[in-house]
C-alpha atoms as a PDB file:
ATOM      1  CA  MET A   1      88.867 -64.496-103.431  1.00  0.00           C
ATOM      2  CA  ALA A   2      92.526 -64.785-102.689  1.00  0.00           C
ATOM      3  CA  ASN A   3      93.598 -63.309 -99.320  1.00  0.00           C
ATOM      4  CA  ASN A   4      96.881 -62.948 -99.338  1.00  0.00           C
ATOM      5  CA  LYS A   5     100.052 -61.888-101.605  1.00  0.00           C
ATOM      6  CA  SER A   6     101.005 -65.540-102.738  1.00  0.00           C
ATOM      7  CA  ALA A   7      97.566 -66.383-103.487  1.00  0.00           C
ATOM      8  CA  LEU A   8      97.046 -63.201-105.425  1.00  0.00           C
ATOM      9  CA  LYS A   9     100.482 -63.399-107.367  1.00  0.00           C
ATOM     10  CA  ARG A  10      99.573 -67.137-108.278  1.00  0.00           C
ATOM     11  CA  ILE A  11      95.936 -65.707-109.892  1.00  0.00           C
ATOM     12  CA  ARG A  12      98.016 -63.016-111.819  1.00  0.00           C
ATOM     13  CA  GLN A  13     100.542 -65.699-113.021  1.00  0.00           C
ATOM     14  CA  THR A  14      97.798 -68.394-113.796  1.00  0.00           C
ATOM     15  CA  LYS A  15      96.010 -65.786-116.057  1.00  0.00           C
ATOM     16  CA  VAL A  16      99.405 -65.126-118.015  1.00  0.00           C
ATOM     17  CA  ARG A  17     100.182 -68.787-118.580  1.00  0.00           C
ATOM     18  CA  THR A  18      96.676 -69.321-119.404  1.00  0.00           C
ATOM     19  CA  GLU A  19      96.766 -66.836-122.052  1.00  0.00           C
ATOM     20  CA  ARG A  20     100.076 -68.142-123.577  1.00  0.00           C
ATOM     21  CA  ASN A  21      98.900 -71.818-123.664  1.00  0.00           C
ATOM     22  CA  LYS A  22      96.037 -70.685-125.138  1.00  0.00           C
ATOM     23  CA  ALA A  23      98.078 -68.828-127.919  1.00  0.00           C
ATOM     24  CA  LEU A  24     100.068 -71.852-128.705  1.00  0.00           C
ATOM     25  CA  LYS A  25      97.064 -74.372-128.677  1.00  0.00           C
ATOM     26  CA  SER A  26      95.154 -72.182-131.314  1.00  0.00           C
ATOM     27  CA  LYS A  27      98.208 -71.812-133.520  1.00  0.00           C
ATOM     28  CA  VAL A  28      98.869 -75.922-133.407  1.00  0.00           C
ATOM     29  CA  LYS A  29      95.254 -76.139-134.515  1.00  0.00           C
ATOM     30  CA  SER A  30      95.187 -73.441-137.123  1.00  0.00           C
ATOM     31  CA  LEU A  31      98.733 -75.042-138.406  1.00  0.00           C
ATOM     32  CA  ARG A  32      97.105 -78.569-138.969  1.00  0.00           C
ATOM     33  CA  LYS A  33      93.888 -77.362-140.627  1.00  0.00           C
ATOM     34  CA  LYS A  34      96.043 -75.690-142.888  1.00  0.00           C
ATOM     35  CA  THR A  35      98.362 -79.093-143.633  1.00  0.00           C
ATOM     36  CA  LEU A  36      95.143 -81.066-144.054  1.00  0.00           C
ATOM     37  CA  GLU A  37      93.536 -78.385-146.213  1.00  0.00           C
ATOM     38  CA  ALA A  38      96.851 -78.232-148.680  1.00  0.00           C
ATOM     39  CA  ALA A  39      96.632 -82.203-148.615  1.00  0.00           C
ATOM     40  CA  ALA A  40      93.148 -82.660-149.748  1.00  0.00           C
ATOM     41  CA  GLU A  41      93.980 -80.145-152.493  1.00  0.00           C
ATOM     42  CA  GLY A  42      96.545 -82.054-153.594  1.00  0.00           C
ATOM     43  CA  LYS A  43      99.344 -79.386-153.072  1.00  0.00           C
ATOM     44  CA  THR A  44     101.956 -81.816-151.571  1.00  0.00           C
ATOM     45  CA  ASP A  45     104.780 -79.147-151.820  1.00  0.00           C
ATOM     46  CA  ASP A  46     102.530 -76.605-149.612  1.00  0.00           C
ATOM     47  CA  ALA A  47     101.474 -79.865-147.448  1.00  0.00           C
ATOM     48  CA  GLN A  48     105.374 -80.597-146.326  1.00  0.00           C
ATOM     49  CA  GLU A  49     105.769 -76.970-145.642  1.00  0.00           C
ATOM     50  CA  ALA A  50     103.074 -76.693-143.503  1.00  0.00           C
ATOM     51  CA  MET A  51     103.921 -79.881-141.994  1.00  0.00           C
ATOM     52  CA  LYS A  52     107.239 -78.880-140.940  1.00  0.00           C
ATOM     53  CA  ALA A  53     105.652 -75.661-139.201  1.00  0.00           C
ATOM     54  CA  LEU A  54     103.105 -77.779-137.485  1.00  0.00           C
ATOM     55  CA  THR A  55     105.857 -80.140-136.111  1.00  0.00           C
ATOM     56  CA  SER A  56     108.136 -77.280-135.049  1.00  0.00           C
ATOM     57  CA  ALA A  57     104.763 -76.068-133.181  1.00  0.00           C
ATOM     58  CA  LEU A  58     103.739 -79.269-131.707  1.00  0.00           C
ATOM     59  CA  ASP A  59     107.397 -79.958-130.165  1.00  0.00           C
ATOM     60  CA  ARG A  60     107.133 -76.527-128.502  1.00  0.00           C
ATOM     61  CA  ALA A  61     103.871 -77.079-127.122  1.00  0.00           C
ATOM     62  CA  VAL A  62     105.381 -80.314-125.538  1.00  0.00           C
ATOM     63  CA  LYS A  63     108.474 -78.698-124.295  1.00  0.00           C
ATOM     64  CA  LYS A  64     106.396 -76.071-122.344  1.00  0.00           C
ATOM     65  CA  SER A  65     103.783 -78.641-121.180  1.00  0.00           C
ATOM     66  CA  VAL A  66     100.826 -77.482-123.161  1.00  0.00           C
ATOM     67  CA  LEU A  67     100.778 -80.834-124.929  1.00  0.00           C
ATOM     68  CA  HIS A  68     101.068 -84.273-123.667  1.00  0.00           C
ATOM     69  CA  LYS A  69     104.065 -85.624-126.050  1.00  0.00           C
ATOM     70  CA  ASN A  70     102.016 -88.699-126.807  1.00  0.00           C
ATOM     71  CA  LYS A  71      98.982 -86.187-128.092  1.00  0.00           C
ATOM     72  CA  ALA A  72     101.852 -84.208-130.380  1.00  0.00           C
ATOM     73  CA  ALA A  73     103.016 -87.985-131.524  1.00  0.00           C
ATOM     74  CA  ASN A  74      99.421 -88.894-132.723  1.00  0.00           C
ATOM     75  CA  VAL A  75      98.871 -85.617-134.425  1.00  0.00           C
ATOM     76  CA  LYS A  76     101.934 -86.112-136.499  1.00  0.00           C
ATOM     77  CA  ALA A  77     101.141 -89.230-137.296  1.00  0.00           C
ATOM     78  CA  LYS A  78      97.526 -89.012-138.394  1.00  0.00           C
ATOM     79  CA  THR A  79      98.674 -85.613-140.241  1.00  0.00           C
ATOM     80  CA  VAL A  80     101.386 -87.576-142.050  1.00  0.00           C
ATOM     81  CA  LYS A  81      99.207 -90.126-142.911  1.00  0.00           C
ATOM     82  CA  ALA A  82      96.604 -87.778-144.153  1.00  0.00           C
ATOM     83  CA  ILE A  83      99.232 -86.012-146.614  1.00  0.00           C
ATOM     84  CA  LYS A  84     100.270 -89.442-147.713  1.00  0.00           C
ATOM     85  CA  SER A  85      96.603 -90.374-148.561  1.00  0.00           C
ATOM     86  CA  GLY A  86      96.039 -87.186-149.980  1.00  0.00           C
ATOM     87  CA  VAL A  87      92.705 -86.849-147.897  1.00  0.00           C
ATOM     88  CA  GLY A  88      92.169 -84.244-145.378  1.00  0.00           C
ATOM     89  CA  ALA A  89      91.258 -86.088-142.328  1.00  0.00           C
END
């Protein structure tokens, strides 16, 4: 356990940041799942709308250093590929 004020504050900060990061990662995962499901069902309009939201969430996660920029680019590329092929991958 921490013994000084600064270490205790760091523990509190880490807890808050961890919760925030978990929420953002969860949002990205659920948006990706929603996009792939729409693509698999052949609903291209819904898939395109969900892709816009996914792209926005990924960019926000990169900006806040929750995800690496290459990871976000990889997710975007694979999702677009799945939409174009019409298969939920």
